[in-house]
Amino acid sequence: MITIQDFQRLEIRVGEIIAAGKVPGADKLLQLTLDFGDEARTAVAGIALCYEPGQLVGKRVVALTNLQPAIIRGVRSDAMILACGGEHDLSLVVTDPDRPAPKGALVR
């Protein structure tokens, strides 16, 4: 269990995927460029078995933006998109707003 204060430390924002491509040498990873309105960030996401890169461009997603950056397969990932699904990689679904939300909007 976490406290409400722990949750309030998370910066979760809406971003638009403006570019997407496969990570070389990785079957499950996509490299995404997310536009948050005031900045663009790269996210490496394990969703390549569920989505083709072209399906994602223009889609708005929800992402954690104050997570410490990580180098994944040589690519710096500065955000983590949120996805839901079962235990199998083929059932992942990216989390997106059900109505238009401005880029950079905070999730509360």
PDB file of N, CA and C in Angstrom:
ATOM      1  N   MET A   1       0.846  -1.182   0.000  1.00  0.00           N
ATOM      2  CA  MET A   1       0.000   0.000   0.000  1.00  0.00           C
ATOM      3  C   MET A   1       0.889   1.242   0.000  1.00  0.00           C
ATOM      4  N   ILE A   2       0.436   2.245  -0.744  1.00  0.00           N
ATOM      5  CA  ILE A   2       1.127   3.527  -0.721  1.00  0.00           C
ATOM      6  C   ILE A   2       0.175   4.573  -0.156  1.00  0.00           C
ATOM      7  N   THR A   3       0.744   5.663   0.283  1.00  0.00           N
ATOM      8  CA  THR A   3      -0.077   6.745   0.817  1.00  0.00           C
ATOM      9  C   THR A   3      -0.501   7.671  -0.311  1.00  0.00           C
ATOM     10  N   ILE A   4      -1.459   8.528  -0.019  1.00  0.00           N
ATOM     11  CA  ILE A   4      -1.881   9.529  -1.003  1.00  0.00           C
ATOM     12  C   ILE A   4      -0.716  10.464  -1.331  1.00  0.00           C
ATOM     13  N   GLN A   5       0.150  10.700  -0.361  1.00  0.00           N
ATOM     14  CA  GLN A   5       1.329  11.538  -0.608  1.00  0.00           C
ATOM     15  C   GLN A   5       2.269  10.873  -1.603  1.00  0.00           C
ATOM     16  N   ASP A   6       2.422   9.546  -1.508  1.00  0.00           N
ATOM     17  CA  ASP A   6       3.239   8.816  -2.477  1.00  0.00           C
ATOM     18  C   ASP A   6       2.641   8.966  -3.880  1.00  0.00           C
ATOM     19  N   PHE A   7       1.339   8.798  -3.988  1.00  0.00           N
ATOM     20  CA  PHE A   7       0.680   8.920  -5.284  1.00  0.00           C
ATOM     21  C   PHE A   7       0.839  10.329  -5.843  1.00  0.00           C
ATOM     22  N   GLN A   8       0.729  11.334  -5.002  1.00  0.00           N
ATOM     23  CA  GLN A   8       0.832  12.720  -5.458  1.00  0.00           C
ATOM     24  C   GLN A   8       2.229  13.049  -5.988  1.00  0.00           C
ATOM     25  N   ARG A   9       3.216  12.267  -5.643  1.00  0.00           N
ATOM     26  CA  ARG A   9       4.576  12.477  -6.159  1.00  0.00           C
ATOM     27  C   ARG A   9       4.711  12.024  -7.606  1.00  0.00           C
ATOM     28  N   LEU A  10       3.791  11.185  -8.078  1.00  0.00           N
ATOM     29  CA  LEU A  10       3.841  10.703  -9.457  1.00  0.00           C
ATOM     30  C   LEU A  10       3.374  11.802 -10.401  1.00  0.00           C
ATOM     31  N   GLU A  11       4.121  12.009 -11.465  1.00  0.00           N
ATOM     32  CA  GLU A  11       3.702  12.948 -12.499  1.00  0.00           C
ATOM     33  C   GLU A  11       3.243  12.118 -13.691  1.00  0.00           C
ATOM     34  N   ILE A  12       1.928  12.021 -13.842  1.00  0.00           N
ATOM     35  CA  ILE A  12       1.328  11.234 -14.909  1.00  0.00           C
ATOM     36  C   ILE A  12       0.650  12.225 -15.853  1.00  0.00           C
ATOM     37  N   ARG A  13       1.062  12.190 -17.134  1.00  0.00           N
ATOM     38  CA  ARG A  13       0.588  13.192 -18.093  1.00  0.00           C
ATOM     39  C   ARG A  13       0.104  12.532 -19.381  1.00  0.00           C
ATOM     40  N   VAL A  14      -0.697  13.262 -20.108  1.00  0.00           N
ATOM     41  CA  VAL A  14      -1.163  12.839 -21.426  1.00  0.00           C
ATOM     42  C   VAL A  14      -0.147  13.293 -22.463  1.00  0.00           C
ATOM     43  N   GLY A  15       0.243  12.369 -23.331  1.00  0.00           N
ATOM     44  CA  GLY A  15       1.155  12.695 -24.418  1.00  0.00           C
ATOM     45  C   GLY A  15       0.645  12.123 -25.731  1.00  0.00           C
ATOM     46  N   GLU A  16       1.023  12.758 -26.829  1.00  0.00           N
ATOM     47  CA  GLU A  16       0.665  12.255 -28.148  1.00  0.00           C
ATOM     48  C   GLU A  16       1.877  11.579 -28.772  1.00  0.00           C
ATOM     49  N   ILE A  17       1.691  10.376 -29.276  1.00  0.00           N
ATOM     50  CA  ILE A  17       2.778   9.666 -29.944  1.00  0.00           C
ATOM     51  C   ILE A  17       2.971  10.294 -31.324  1.00  0.00           C
ATOM     52  N   ILE A  18       4.140  10.874 -31.547  1.00  0.00           N
ATOM     53  CA  ILE A  18       4.410  11.541 -32.825  1.00  0.00           C
ATOM     54  C   ILE A  18       5.361  10.739 -33.708  1.00  0.00           C
ATOM     55  N   ALA A  19       5.994   9.725 -33.145  1.00  0.00           N
ATOM     56  CA  ALA A  19       6.860   8.827 -33.922  1.00  0.00           C
ATOM     57  C   ALA A  19       6.952   7.506 -33.185  1.00  0.00           C
ATOM     58  N   ALA A  20       7.055   6.422 -33.965  1.00  0.00           N
ATOM     59  CA  ALA A  20       7.165   5.094 -33.371  1.00  0.00           C
ATOM     60  C   ALA A  20       7.960   4.198 -34.307  1.00  0.00           C
ATOM     61  N   GLY A  21       8.796   3.362 -33.723  1.00  0.00           N
ATOM     62  CA  GLY A  21       9.578   2.421 -34.510  1.00  0.00           C
ATOM     63  C   GLY A  21      10.039   1.275 -33.637  1.00  0.00           C
ATOM     64  N   LYS A  22      10.430   0.198 -34.289  1.00  0.00           N
ATOM     65  CA  LYS A  22      10.922  -0.967 -33.558  1.00  0.00           C
ATOM     66  C   LYS A  22      12.332  -0.696 -33.043  1.00  0.00           C
ATOM     67  N   VAL A  23      12.641  -1.257 -31.903  1.00  0.00           N
ATOM     68  CA  VAL A  23      13.989  -1.180 -31.349  1.00  0.00           C
ATOM     69  C   VAL A  23      14.791  -2.308 -31.999  1.00  0.00           C
ATOM     70  N   PRO A  24      15.889  -1.995 -32.689  1.00  0.00           N
ATOM     71  CA  PRO A  24      16.670  -3.041 -33.365  1.00  0.00           C
ATOM     72  C   PRO A  24      17.098  -4.150 -32.401  1.00  0.00           C
ATOM     73  N   GLY A  25      16.893  -5.385 -32.831  1.00  0.00           N
ATOM     74  CA  GLY A  25      17.310  -6.535 -32.053  1.00  0.00           C
ATOM     75  C   GLY A  25      16.377  -6.919 -30.924  1.00  0.00           C
ATOM     76  N   ALA A  26      15.216  -6.258 -30.821  1.00  0.00           N
ATOM     77  CA  ALA A  26      14.271  -6.557 -29.742  1.00  0.00           C
ATOM     78  C   ALA A  26      12.896  -6.843 -30.343  1.00  0.00           C
ATOM     79  N   ASP A  27      12.361  -8.018 -30.066  1.00  0.00           N
ATOM     80  CA  ASP A  27      11.064  -8.401 -30.622  1.00  0.00           C
ATOM     81  C   ASP A  27       9.884  -7.698 -29.955  1.00  0.00           C
ATOM     82  N   LYS A  28      10.019  -7.372 -28.681  1.00  0.00           N
ATOM     83  CA  LYS A  28       8.881  -6.848 -27.919  1.00  0.00           C
ATOM     84  C   LYS A  28       8.897  -5.334 -27.724  1.00  0.00           C
ATOM     85  N   LEU A  29       9.978  -4.658 -28.134  1.00  0.00           N
ATOM     86  CA  LEU A  29      10.134  -3.245 -27.789  1.00  0.00           C
ATOM     87  C   LEU A  29       9.873  -2.298 -28.953  1.00  0.00           C
ATOM     88  N   LEU A  30       9.180  -1.189 -28.642  1.00  0.00           N
ATOM     89  CA  LEU A  30       9.011  -0.086 -29.577  1.00  0.00           C
ATOM     90  C   LEU A  30       9.610   1.164 -28.959  1.00  0.00           C
ATOM     91  N   GLN A  31      10.208   1.984 -29.802  1.00  0.00           N
ATOM     92  CA  GLN A  31      10.701   3.293 -29.378  1.00  0.00           C
ATOM     93  C   GLN A  31       9.666   4.317 -29.814  1.00  0.00           C
ATOM     94  N   LEU A  32       9.149   5.058 -28.846  1.00  0.00           N
ATOM     95  CA  LEU A  32       8.097   6.039 -29.094  1.00  0.00           C
ATOM     96  C   LEU A  32       8.600   7.436 -28.774  1.00  0.00           C
ATOM     97  N   THR A  33       8.212   8.400 -29.593  1.00  0.00           N
ATOM     98  CA  THR A  33       8.444   9.802 -29.266  1.00  0.00           C
ATOM     99  C   THR A  33       7.102  10.380 -28.868  1.00  0.00           C
ATOM    100  N   LEU A  34       7.047  10.929 -27.659  1.00  0.00           N
ATOM    101  CA  LEU A  34       5.812  11.472 -27.094  1.00  0.00           C
ATOM    102  C   LEU A  34       5.895  12.986 -27.013  1.00  0.00           C
ATOM    103  N   ASP A  35       4.869  13.658 -27.496  1.00  0.00           N
ATOM    104  CA  ASP A  35       4.766  15.121 -27.417  1.00  0.00           C
ATOM    105  C   ASP A  35       3.858  15.455 -26.242  1.00  0.00           C
ATOM    106  N   PHE A  36       4.415  16.163 -25.252  1.00  0.00           N
ATOM    107  CA  PHE A  36       3.650  16.569 -24.080  1.00  0.00           C
ATOM    108  C   PHE A  36       3.241  18.037 -24.134  1.00  0.00           C
ATOM    109  N   GLY A  37       3.359  18.641 -25.312  1.00  0.00           N
ATOM    110  CA  GLY A  37       2.975  20.036 -25.476  1.00  0.00           C
ATOM    111  C   GLY A  37       4.124  20.984 -25.237  1.00  0.00           C
ATOM    112  N   ASP A  38       4.781  20.858 -24.098  1.00  0.00           N
ATOM    113  CA  ASP A  38       5.912  21.726 -23.776  1.00  0.00           C
ATOM    114  C   ASP A  38       7.256  21.054 -24.029  1.00  0.00           C
ATOM    115  N   GLU A  39       7.241  19.756 -24.315  1.00  0.00           N
ATOM    116  CA  GLU A  39       8.468  19.014 -24.575  1.00  0.00           C
ATOM    117  C   GLU A  39       8.139  17.677 -25.223  1.00  0.00           C
ATOM    118  N   ALA A  40       9.151  17.091 -25.852  1.00  0.00           N
ATOM    119  CA  ALA A  40       9.026  15.742 -26.409  1.00  0.00           C
ATOM    120  C   ALA A  40       9.960  14.829 -25.627  1.00  0.00           C
ATOM    121  N   ARG A  41       9.539  13.598 -25.434  1.00  0.00           N
ATOM    122  CA  ARG A  41      10.346  12.610 -24.718  1.00  0.00           C
ATOM    123  C   ARG A  41      10.290  11.282 -25.450  1.00  0.00           C
ATOM    124  N   THR A  42      11.292  10.465 -25.181  1.00  0.00           N
ATOM    125  CA  THR A  42      11.344   9.121 -25.740  1.00  0.00           C
ATOM    126  C   THR A  42      10.916   8.122 -24.674  1.00  0.00           C
ATOM    127  N   ALA A  43      10.132   7.148 -25.096  1.00  0.00           N
ATOM    128  CA  ALA A  43       9.746   6.046 -24.217  1.00  0.00           C
ATOM    129  C   ALA A  43      10.002   4.741 -24.952  1.00  0.00           C
ATOM    130  N   VAL A  44      10.586   3.786 -24.275  1.00  0.00           N
ATOM    131  CA  VAL A  44      10.733   2.436 -24.817  1.00  0.00           C
ATOM    132  C   VAL A  44       9.662   1.599 -24.131  1.00  0.00           C
ATOM    133  N   ALA A  45       8.818   0.961 -24.940  1.00  0.00           N
ATOM    134  CA  ALA A  45       7.679   0.224 -24.393  1.00  0.00           C
ATOM    135  C   ALA A  45       7.645  -1.195 -24.936  1.00  0.00           C
ATOM    136  N   GLY A  46       7.322  -2.145 -24.093  1.00  0.00           N
ATOM    137  CA  GLY A  46       7.251  -3.555 -24.471  1.00  0.00           C
ATOM    138  C   GLY A  46       5.899  -3.923 -25.065  1.00  0.00           C
ATOM    139  N   ILE A  47       5.514  -3.239 -26.130  1.00  0.00           N
ATOM    140  CA  ILE A  47       4.183  -3.443 -26.721  1.00  0.00           C
ATOM    141  C   ILE A  47       4.239  -3.846 -28.191  1.00  0.00           C
ATOM    142  N   ALA A  48       5.411  -4.213 -28.687  1.00  0.00           N
ATOM    143  CA  ALA A  48       5.569  -4.501 -30.123  1.00  0.00           C
ATOM    144  C   ALA A  48       4.806  -5.740 -30.583  1.00  0.00           C
ATOM    145  N   LEU A  49       4.456  -6.641 -29.671  1.00  0.00           N
ATOM    146  CA  LEU A  49       3.668  -7.809 -30.059  1.00  0.00           C
ATOM    147  C   LEU A  49       2.181  -7.475 -30.189  1.00  0.00           C
ATOM    148  N   CYS A  50       1.793  -6.307 -29.687  1.00  0.00           N
ATOM    149  CA  CYS A  50       0.389  -5.902 -29.691  1.00  0.00           C
ATOM    150  C   CYS A  50       0.078  -4.793 -30.696  1.00  0.00           C
ATOM    151  N   TYR A  51       1.083  -4.001 -31.034  1.00  0.00           N
ATOM    152  CA  TYR A  51       0.877  -2.839 -31.903  1.00  0.00           C
ATOM    153  C   TYR A  51       1.978  -2.758 -32.945  1.00  0.00           C
ATOM    154  N   GLU A  52       1.593  -2.379 -34.151  1.00  0.00           N
ATOM    155  CA  GLU A  52       2.552  -1.978 -35.177  1.00  0.00           C
ATOM    156  C   GLU A  52       2.832  -0.497 -34.957  1.00  0.00           C
ATOM    157  N   PRO A  53       4.047  -0.038 -35.243  1.00  0.00           N
ATOM    158  CA  PRO A  53       4.357   1.374 -35.015  1.00  0.00           C
ATOM    159  C   PRO A  53       3.349   2.334 -35.654  1.00  0.00           C
ATOM    160  N   GLY A  54       2.913   2.049 -36.865  1.00  0.00           N
ATOM    161  CA  GLY A  54       1.986   2.938 -37.558  1.00  0.00           C
ATOM    162  C   GLY A  54       0.631   3.069 -36.888  1.00  0.00           C
ATOM    163  N   GLN A  55       0.229   2.076 -36.106  1.00  0.00           N
ATOM    164  CA  GLN A  55      -1.042   2.141 -35.389  1.00  0.00           C
ATOM    165  C   GLN A  55      -1.014   3.173 -34.266  1.00  0.00           C
ATOM    166  N   LEU A  56       0.173   3.515 -33.803  1.00  0.00           N
ATOM    167  CA  LEU A  56       0.299   4.345 -32.615  1.00  0.00           C
ATOM    168  C   LEU A  56       0.484   5.828 -32.901  1.00  0.00           C
ATOM    169  N   VAL A  57       1.030   6.165 -34.058  1.00  0.00           N
ATOM    170  CA  VAL A  57       1.295   7.575 -34.370  1.00  0.00           C
ATOM    171  C   VAL A  57      -0.020   8.343 -34.390  1.00  0.00           C
ATOM    172  N   GLY A  58      -0.067   9.432 -33.627  1.00  0.00           N
ATOM    173  CA  GLY A  58      -1.265  10.255 -33.507  1.00  0.00           C
ATOM    174  C   GLY A  58      -2.139   9.890 -32.321  1.00  0.00           C
ATOM    175  N   LYS A  59      -1.839   8.784 -31.656  1.00  0.00           N
ATOM    176  CA  LYS A  59      -2.635   8.325 -30.510  1.00  0.00           C
ATOM    177  C   LYS A  59      -2.179   9.057 -29.250  1.00  0.00           C
ATOM    178  N   ARG A  60      -3.133   9.432 -28.425  1.00  0.00           N
ATOM    179  CA  ARG A  60      -2.809  10.025 -27.123  1.00  0.00           C
ATOM    180  C   ARG A  60      -2.792   8.919 -26.078  1.00  0.00           C
ATOM    181  N   VAL A  61      -1.765   8.950 -25.247  1.00  0.00           N
ATOM    182  CA  VAL A  61      -1.574   7.937 -24.216  1.00  0.00           C
ATOM    183  C   VAL A  61      -1.292   8.609 -22.885  1.00  0.00           C
ATOM    184  N   VAL A  62      -1.348   7.821 -21.837  1.00  0.00           N
ATOM    185  CA  VAL A  62      -1.041   8.287 -20.490  1.00  0.00           C
ATOM    186  C   VAL A  62       0.338   7.745 -20.123  1.00  0.00           C
ATOM    187  N   ALA A  63       1.197   8.631 -19.591  1.00  0.00           N
ATOM    188  CA  ALA A  63       2.578   8.233 -19.300  1.00  0.00           C
ATOM    189  C   ALA A  63       3.058   8.812 -17.977  1.00  0.00           C
ATOM    190  N   LEU A  64       3.912   8.048 -17.323  1.00  0.00           N
ATOM    191  CA  LEU A  64       4.601   8.500 -16.124  1.00  0.00           C
ATOM    192  C   LEU A  64       5.832   9.266 -16.594  1.00  0.00           C
ATOM    193  N   THR A  65       5.953  10.537 -16.164  1.00  0.00           N
ATOM    194  CA  THR A  65       7.028  11.379 -16.709  1.00  0.00           C
ATOM    195  C   THR A  65       8.097  11.776 -15.702  1.00  0.00           C
ATOM    196  N   ASN A  66       7.944  11.427 -14.449  1.00  0.00           N
ATOM    197  CA  ASN A  66       9.013  11.758 -13.500  1.00  0.00           C
ATOM    198  C   ASN A  66       9.724  10.522 -12.961  1.00  0.00           C
ATOM    199  N   LEU A  67       9.715   9.473 -13.765  1.00  0.00           N
ATOM    200  CA  LEU A  67      10.479   8.276 -13.454  1.00  0.00           C
ATOM    201  C   LEU A  67      11.930   8.499 -13.886  1.00  0.00           C
ATOM    202  N   GLN A  68      12.859   8.005 -13.131  1.00  0.00           N
ATOM    203  CA  GLN A  68      14.269   8.152 -13.498  1.00  0.00           C
ATOM    204  C   GLN A  68      14.503   7.526 -14.876  1.00  0.00           C
ATOM    205  N   PRO A  69      15.205   8.232 -15.780  1.00  0.00           N
ATOM    206  CA  PRO A  69      15.473   7.676 -17.120  1.00  0.00           C
ATOM    207  C   PRO A  69      16.243   6.361 -17.037  1.00  0.00           C
ATOM    208  N   ALA A  70      16.019   5.518 -18.046  1.00  0.00           N
ATOM    209  CA  ALA A  70      16.707   4.228 -18.125  1.00  0.00           C
ATOM    210  C   ALA A  70      17.211   4.038 -19.548  1.00  0.00           C
ATOM    211  N   ILE A  71      18.318   3.320 -19.684  1.00  0.00           N
ATOM    212  CA  ILE A  71      18.826   2.940 -20.997  1.00  0.00           C
ATOM    213  C   ILE A  71      18.348   1.516 -21.263  1.00  0.00           C
ATOM    214  N   ILE A  72      17.537   1.362 -22.303  1.00  0.00           N
ATOM    215  CA  ILE A  72      16.974   0.062 -22.652  1.00  0.00           C
ATOM    216  C   ILE A  72      17.410  -0.274 -24.069  1.00  0.00           C
ATOM    217  N   ARG A  73      18.208  -1.325 -24.210  1.00  0.00           N
ATOM    218  CA  ARG A  73      18.743  -1.739 -25.520  1.00  0.00           C
ATOM    219  C   ARG A  73      19.427  -0.576 -26.234  1.00  0.00           C
ATOM    220  N   GLY A  74      20.131   0.244 -25.454  1.00  0.00           N
ATOM    221  CA  GLY A  74      20.887   1.354 -26.025  1.00  0.00           C
ATOM    222  C   GLY A  74      20.079   2.615 -26.275  1.00  0.00           C
ATOM    223  N   VAL A  75      18.788   2.612 -25.934  1.00  0.00           N
ATOM    224  CA  VAL A  75      17.925   3.770 -26.144  1.00  0.00           C
ATOM    225  C   VAL A  75      17.551   4.353 -24.787  1.00  0.00           C
ATOM    226  N   ARG A  76      17.728   5.671 -24.631  1.00  0.00           N
ATOM    227  CA  ARG A  76      17.350   6.328 -23.382  1.00  0.00           C
ATOM    228  C   ARG A  76      15.839   6.502 -23.352  1.00  0.00           C
ATOM    229  N   SER A  77      15.214   5.991 -22.296  1.00  0.00           N
ATOM    230  CA  SER A  77      13.775   6.093 -22.117  1.00  0.00           C
ATOM    231  C   SER A  77      13.507   7.088 -20.997  1.00  0.00           C
ATOM    232  N   ASP A  78      12.803   8.185 -21.329  1.00  0.00           N
ATOM    233  CA  ASP A  78      12.532   9.271 -20.380  1.00  0.00           C
ATOM    234  C   ASP A  78      11.093   9.309 -19.897  1.00  0.00           C
ATOM    235  N   ALA A  79      10.309   8.317 -20.247  1.00  0.00           N
ATOM    236  CA  ALA A  79       8.910   8.246 -19.823  1.00  0.00           C
ATOM    237  C   ALA A  79       8.485   6.783 -19.883  1.00  0.00           C
ATOM    238  N   MET A  80       7.398   6.472 -19.199  1.00  0.00           N
ATOM    239  CA  MET A  80       6.854   5.109 -19.244  1.00  0.00           C
ATOM    240  C   MET A  80       5.374   5.212 -19.555  1.00  0.00           C
ATOM    241  N   ILE A  81       4.974   4.666 -20.709  1.00  0.00           N
ATOM    242  CA  ILE A  81       3.551   4.694 -21.011  1.00  0.00           C
ATOM    243  C   ILE A  81       2.846   3.651 -20.157  1.00  0.00           C
ATOM    244  N   LEU A  82       1.601   3.929 -19.813  1.00  0.00           N
ATOM    245  CA  LEU A  82       0.822   3.005 -19.009  1.00  0.00           C
ATOM    246  C   LEU A  82       0.025   2.096 -19.935  1.00  0.00           C
ATOM    247  N   ALA A  83       0.035   0.822 -19.619  1.00  0.00           N
ATOM    248  CA  ALA A  83      -0.703  -0.171 -20.396  1.00  0.00           C
ATOM    249  C   ALA A  83      -1.349  -1.138 -19.422  1.00  0.00           C
ATOM    250  N   CYS A  84      -2.393  -1.786 -19.877  1.00  0.00           N
ATOM    251  CA  CYS A  84      -3.065  -2.768 -19.033  1.00  0.00           C
ATOM    252  C   CYS A  84      -3.252  -4.041 -19.836  1.00  0.00           C
ATOM    253  N   GLY A  85      -3.528  -5.101 -19.144  1.00  0.00           N
ATOM    254  CA  GLY A  85      -3.741  -6.371 -19.817  1.00  0.00           C
ATOM    255  C   GLY A  85      -3.443  -7.523 -18.896  1.00  0.00           C
ATOM    256  N   GLY A  86      -3.519  -8.694 -19.486  1.00  0.00           N
ATOM    257  CA  GLY A  86      -3.291  -9.909 -18.724  1.00  0.00           C
ATOM    258  C   GLY A  86      -1.819 -10.222 -18.583  1.00  0.00           C
ATOM    259  N   GLU A  87      -1.555 -11.461 -18.240  1.00  0.00           N
ATOM    260  CA  GLU A  87      -0.186 -11.907 -18.015  1.00  0.00           C
ATOM    261  C   GLU A  87       0.581 -12.113 -19.309  1.00  0.00           C
ATOM    262  N   HIS A  88      -0.109 -12.192 -20.426  1.00  0.00           N
ATOM    263  CA  HIS A  88       0.541 -12.482 -21.704  1.00  0.00           C
ATOM    264  C   HIS A  88       0.809 -11.199 -22.475  1.00  0.00           C
ATOM    265  N   ASP A  89       1.980 -11.116 -23.094  1.00  0.00           N
ATOM    266  CA  ASP A  89       2.376  -9.925 -23.830  1.00  0.00           C
ATOM    267  C   ASP A  89       1.403  -9.562 -24.941  1.00  0.00           C
ATOM    268  N   LEU A  90       0.673 -10.529 -25.473  1.00  0.00           N
ATOM    269  CA  LEU A  90      -0.228 -10.270 -26.594  1.00  0.00           C
ATOM    270  C   LEU A  90      -1.504  -9.551 -26.187  1.00  0.00           C
ATOM    271  N   SER A  91      -1.759  -9.414 -24.898  1.00  0.00           N
ATOM    272  CA  SER A  91      -3.016  -8.815 -24.459  1.00  0.00           C
ATOM    273  C   SER A  91      -2.850  -7.393 -23.919  1.00  0.00           C
ATOM    274  N   LEU A  92      -1.684  -6.784 -24.067  1.00  0.00           N
ATOM    275  CA  LEU A  92      -1.470  -5.436 -23.546  1.00  0.00           C
ATOM    276  C   LEU A  92      -2.240  -4.405 -24.368  1.00  0.00           C
ATOM    277  N   VAL A  93      -2.798  -3.427 -23.670  1.00  0.00           N
ATOM    278  CA  VAL A  93      -3.531  -2.333 -24.290  1.00  0.00           C
ATOM    279  C   VAL A  93      -3.015  -1.040 -23.686  1.00  0.00           C
ATOM    280  N   VAL A  94      -2.613  -0.071 -24.531  1.00  0.00           N
ATOM    281  CA  VAL A  94      -2.151   1.204 -23.991  1.00  0.00           C
ATOM    282  C   VAL A  94      -3.326   1.966 -23.410  1.00  0.00           C
ATOM    283  N   THR A  95      -3.062   2.729 -22.360  1.00  0.00           N
ATOM    284  CA  THR A  95      -4.080   3.510 -21.689  1.00  0.00           C
ATOM    285  C   THR A  95      -4.209   4.849 -22.389  1.00  0.00           C
ATOM    286  N   ASP A  96      -5.434   5.153 -22.837  1.00  0.00           N
ATOM    287  CA  ASP A  96      -5.648   6.429 -23.513  1.00  0.00           C
ATOM    288  C   ASP A  96      -6.893   7.107 -22.945  1.00  0.00           C
ATOM    289  N   PRO A  97      -6.922   8.446 -22.999  1.00  0.00           N
ATOM    290  CA  PRO A  97      -8.108   9.157 -22.510  1.00  0.00           C
ATOM    291  C   PRO A  97      -9.325   8.802 -23.368  1.00  0.00           C
ATOM    292  N   ASP A  98     -10.494   8.712 -22.756  1.00  0.00           N
ATOM    293  CA  ASP A  98     -11.693   8.371 -23.514  1.00  0.00           C
ATOM    294  C   ASP A  98     -12.295   9.572 -24.246  1.00  0.00           C
ATOM    295  N   ARG A  99     -11.832  10.771 -23.923  1.00  0.00           N
ATOM    296  CA  ARG A  99     -12.214  11.994 -24.633  1.00  0.00           C
ATOM    297  C   ARG A  99     -10.945  12.785 -24.914  1.00  0.00           C
ATOM    298  N   PRO A 100     -11.006  13.715 -25.863  1.00  0.00           N
ATOM    299  CA  PRO A 100      -9.791  14.502 -26.148  1.00  0.00           C
ATOM    300  C   PRO A 100      -9.275  15.212 -24.892  1.00  0.00           C
ATOM    301  N   ALA A 101      -8.013  15.014 -24.625  1.00  0.00           N
ATOM    302  CA  ALA A 101      -7.356  15.668 -23.497  1.00  0.00           C
ATOM    303  C   ALA A 101      -6.153  16.407 -24.035  1.00  0.00           C
ATOM    304  N   PRO A 102      -5.877  17.609 -23.543  1.00  0.00           N
ATOM    305  CA  PRO A 102      -4.738  18.356 -24.067  1.00  0.00           C
ATOM    306  C   PRO A 102      -3.410  17.665 -23.758  1.00  0.00           C
ATOM    307  N   LYS A 103      -2.468  17.814 -24.701  1.00  0.00           N
ATOM    308  CA  LYS A 103      -1.132  17.268 -24.464  1.00  0.00           C
ATOM    309  C   LYS A 103      -0.555  17.909 -23.205  1.00  0.00           C
ATOM    310  N   GLY A 104       0.031  17.077 -22.367  1.00  0.00           N
ATOM    311  CA  GLY A 104       0.626  17.554 -21.136  1.00  0.00           C
ATOM    312  C   GLY A 104      -0.316  17.586 -19.950  1.00  0.00           C
ATOM    313  N   ALA A 105      -1.606  17.328 -20.163  1.00  0.00           N
ATOM    314  CA  ALA A 105      -2.568  17.354 -19.062  1.00  0.00           C
ATOM    315  C   ALA A 105      -2.156  16.382 -17.974  1.00  0.00           C
ATOM    316  N   LEU A 106      -2.248  16.808 -16.734  1.00  0.00           N
ATOM    317  CA  LEU A 106      -1.912  15.953 -15.593  1.00  0.00           C
ATOM    318  C   LEU A 106      -3.071  15.021 -15.270  1.00  0.00           C
ATOM    319  N   VAL A 107      -2.742  13.783 -14.958  1.00  0.00           N
ATOM    320  CA  VAL A 107      -3.734  12.815 -14.487  1.00  0.00           C
ATOM    321  C   VAL A 107      -3.824  12.987 -12.989  1.00  0.00           C
ATOM    322  N   ARG A 108      -5.035  13.103 -12.490  1.00  0.00           N
ATOM    323  CA  ARG A 108      -5.244  13.331 -11.051  1.00  0.00           C
ATOM    324  C   ARG A 108      -6.118  12.255 -10.476  1.00  0.00           C
TER     325      ARG A 108
END
